[in-house]
C-alpha atoms as a PDB file:
ATOM      1  CA  MET A   1      -0.037  -0.007   0.019  1.00  0.00           C
ATOM      2  CA  GLY A   2       1.160   3.557  -0.553  1.00  0.00           C
ATOM      3  CA  VAL A   3       3.660   5.090  -2.886  1.00  0.00           C
ATOM      4  CA  VAL A   4       7.403   4.241  -2.875  1.00  0.00           C
ATOM      5  CA  ASN A   5       9.440   7.447  -2.649  1.00  0.00           C
ATOM      6  CA  TYR A   6      13.223   7.534  -2.256  1.00  0.00           C
ATOM      7  CA  GLU A   7      13.537  11.293  -2.181  1.00  0.00           C
ATOM      8  CA  ARG A   8      14.267  12.915   1.173  1.00  0.00           C
ATOM      9  CA  THR A   9      11.225  14.648   2.797  1.00  0.00           C
ATOM     10  CA  ALA A  10      11.511  18.125   4.203  1.00  0.00           C
ATOM     11  CA  ALA A  11      11.698  16.643   7.689  1.00  0.00           C
ATOM     12  CA  GLU A  12      14.528  14.301   6.671  1.00  0.00           C
ATOM     13  CA  LYS A  13      16.666  17.019   5.073  1.00  0.00           C
ATOM     14  CA  ASP A  14      17.437  18.563   8.453  1.00  0.00           C
ATOM     15  CA  ASN A  15      18.481  15.129   9.820  1.00  0.00           C
ATOM     16  CA  VAL A  16      21.119  14.449   7.073  1.00  0.00           C
ATOM     17  CA  LYS A  17      23.806  15.648   9.576  1.00  0.00           C
ATOM     18  CA  PHE A  18      23.059  12.611  11.715  1.00  0.00           C
ATOM     19  CA  ARG A  19      23.471  10.079   8.917  1.00  0.00           C
ATOM     20  CA  ARG A  20      26.736   8.510   7.751  1.00  0.00           C
ATOM     21  CA  SER A  21      28.400   8.773   4.436  1.00  0.00           C
ATOM     22  CA  LEU A  22      31.640   8.032   2.747  1.00  0.00           C
ATOM     23  CA  TYR A  23      34.497  10.557   3.343  1.00  0.00           C
ATOM     24  CA  THR A  24      38.185  10.592   2.591  1.00  0.00           C
ATOM     25  CA  VAL A  25      40.313  10.418   5.768  1.00  0.00           C
ATOM     26  CA  GLU A  26      43.675  11.024   3.913  1.00  0.00           C
ATOM     27  CA  ASP A  27      44.756  13.181   1.064  1.00  0.00           C
ATOM     28  CA  ILE A  28      44.327  11.165  -2.178  1.00  0.00           C
ATOM     29  CA  LYS A  29      46.232  11.855  -5.367  1.00  0.00           C
ATOM     30  CA  GLU A  30      44.750  11.617  -8.828  1.00  0.00           C
ATOM     31  CA  GLY A  31      44.797   7.981  -9.955  1.00  0.00           C
ATOM     32  CA  GLU A  32      45.372   6.635  -6.434  1.00  0.00           C
ATOM     33  CA  MET A  33      43.215   3.674  -5.381  1.00  0.00           C
ATOM     34  CA  PHE A  34      40.497   3.992  -2.677  1.00  0.00           C
ATOM     35  CA  THR A  35      41.194   1.644   0.265  1.00  0.00           C
ATOM     36  CA  HIS A  36      39.916   0.951   3.801  1.00  0.00           C
ATOM     37  CA  GLN A  37      42.760   3.187   5.039  1.00  0.00           C
ATOM     38  CA  ASN A  38      41.766   6.310   3.062  1.00  0.00           C
ATOM     39  CA  VAL A  39      37.923   6.049   2.986  1.00  0.00           C
ATOM     40  CA  ARG A  40      35.555   5.804   6.002  1.00  0.00           C
ATOM     41  CA  SER A  41      31.875   5.915   6.774  1.00  0.00           C
ATOM     42  CA  ILE A  42      31.454   8.906   9.095  1.00  0.00           C
ATOM     43  CA  ARG A  43      28.949  11.728   9.862  1.00  0.00           C
ATOM     44  CA  PRO A  44      27.523  13.923   8.387  1.00  0.00           C
ATOM     45  CA  GLY A  45      25.618  12.352   5.518  1.00  0.00           C
ATOM     46  CA  TYR A  46      26.702  14.757   2.714  1.00  0.00           C
ATOM     47  CA  GLY A  47      28.516  12.106   0.551  1.00  0.00           C
ATOM     48  CA  LEU A  48      27.802   8.635  -0.938  1.00  0.00           C
ATOM     49  CA  ALA A  49      25.812   6.353   1.203  1.00  0.00           C
ATOM     50  CA  PRO A  50      27.886   3.653   3.129  1.00  0.00           C
ATOM     51  CA  LYS A  51      26.207   0.897   1.121  1.00  0.00           C
ATOM     52  CA  TYR A  52      28.449   1.860  -1.852  1.00  0.00           C
ATOM     53  CA  ILE A  53      31.747   1.209   0.078  1.00  0.00           C
ATOM     54  CA  THR A  54      32.323  -2.109  -1.835  1.00  0.00           C
ATOM     55  CA  ALA A  55      31.767  -0.367  -5.167  1.00  0.00           C
ATOM     56  CA  VAL A  56      34.211   2.411  -4.210  1.00  0.00           C
ATOM     57  CA  LEU A  57      37.063   0.276  -2.839  1.00  0.00           C
ATOM     58  CA  GLY A  58      39.446  -0.667  -5.562  1.00  0.00           C
ATOM     59  CA  GLN A  59      38.442   2.215  -7.850  1.00  0.00           C
ATOM     60  CA  THR A  60      40.784   5.179  -8.493  1.00  0.00           C
ATOM     61  CA  ALA A  61      40.414   8.854  -7.801  1.00  0.00           C
ATOM     62  CA  ALA A  62      39.406  11.056 -10.831  1.00  0.00           C
ATOM     63  CA  LYS A  63      41.313  13.989  -9.390  1.00  0.00           C
ATOM     64  CA  GLY A  64      43.261  14.894  -6.281  1.00  0.00           C
ATOM     65  CA  ILE A  65      41.041  14.811  -3.170  1.00  0.00           C
ATOM     66  CA  SER A  66      41.851  16.530   0.122  1.00  0.00           C
ATOM     67  CA  LYS A  67      41.309  14.981   3.497  1.00  0.00           C
ATOM     68  CA  GLY A  68      37.802  15.298   4.869  1.00  0.00           C
ATOM     69  CA  THR A  69      36.000  15.497   1.455  1.00  0.00           C
ATOM     70  CA  PRO A  70      32.695  13.717   1.067  1.00  0.00           C
ATOM     71  CA  LEU A  71      32.873  11.219  -1.778  1.00  0.00           C
ATOM     72  CA  SER A  72      30.686  11.712  -4.780  1.00  0.00           C
ATOM     73  CA  ASN A  73      30.439   9.856  -8.172  1.00  0.00           C
ATOM     74  CA  GLU A  74      32.344  12.705  -9.861  1.00  0.00           C
ATOM     75  CA  LEU A  75      35.431  11.926  -7.774  1.00  0.00           C
ATOM     76  CA  ILE A  76      35.588   8.261  -8.804  1.00  0.00           C
ATOM     77  CA  ASN A  77      36.942   6.766 -12.009  1.00  0.00           C
ATOM     78  CA  ARG A  78      34.699   3.860 -13.032  1.00  0.00           C
END
């Protein structure tokens, strides 16, 4: 019953800071591989969802990324 909606509601948008997402925890050079040592699931939830960690690990950086940057699809070579 009901309608499936994966978009965040207005009430959820304020709570994004309490969710986890993927962030770089070390400086990463262009072409460097993402590993468990340089990517972590931490708060706030402004990056990729933690469920994508297995898809990210082993991929390479599309450009240089500084420590503390939330990961996005634009930063990953696929």
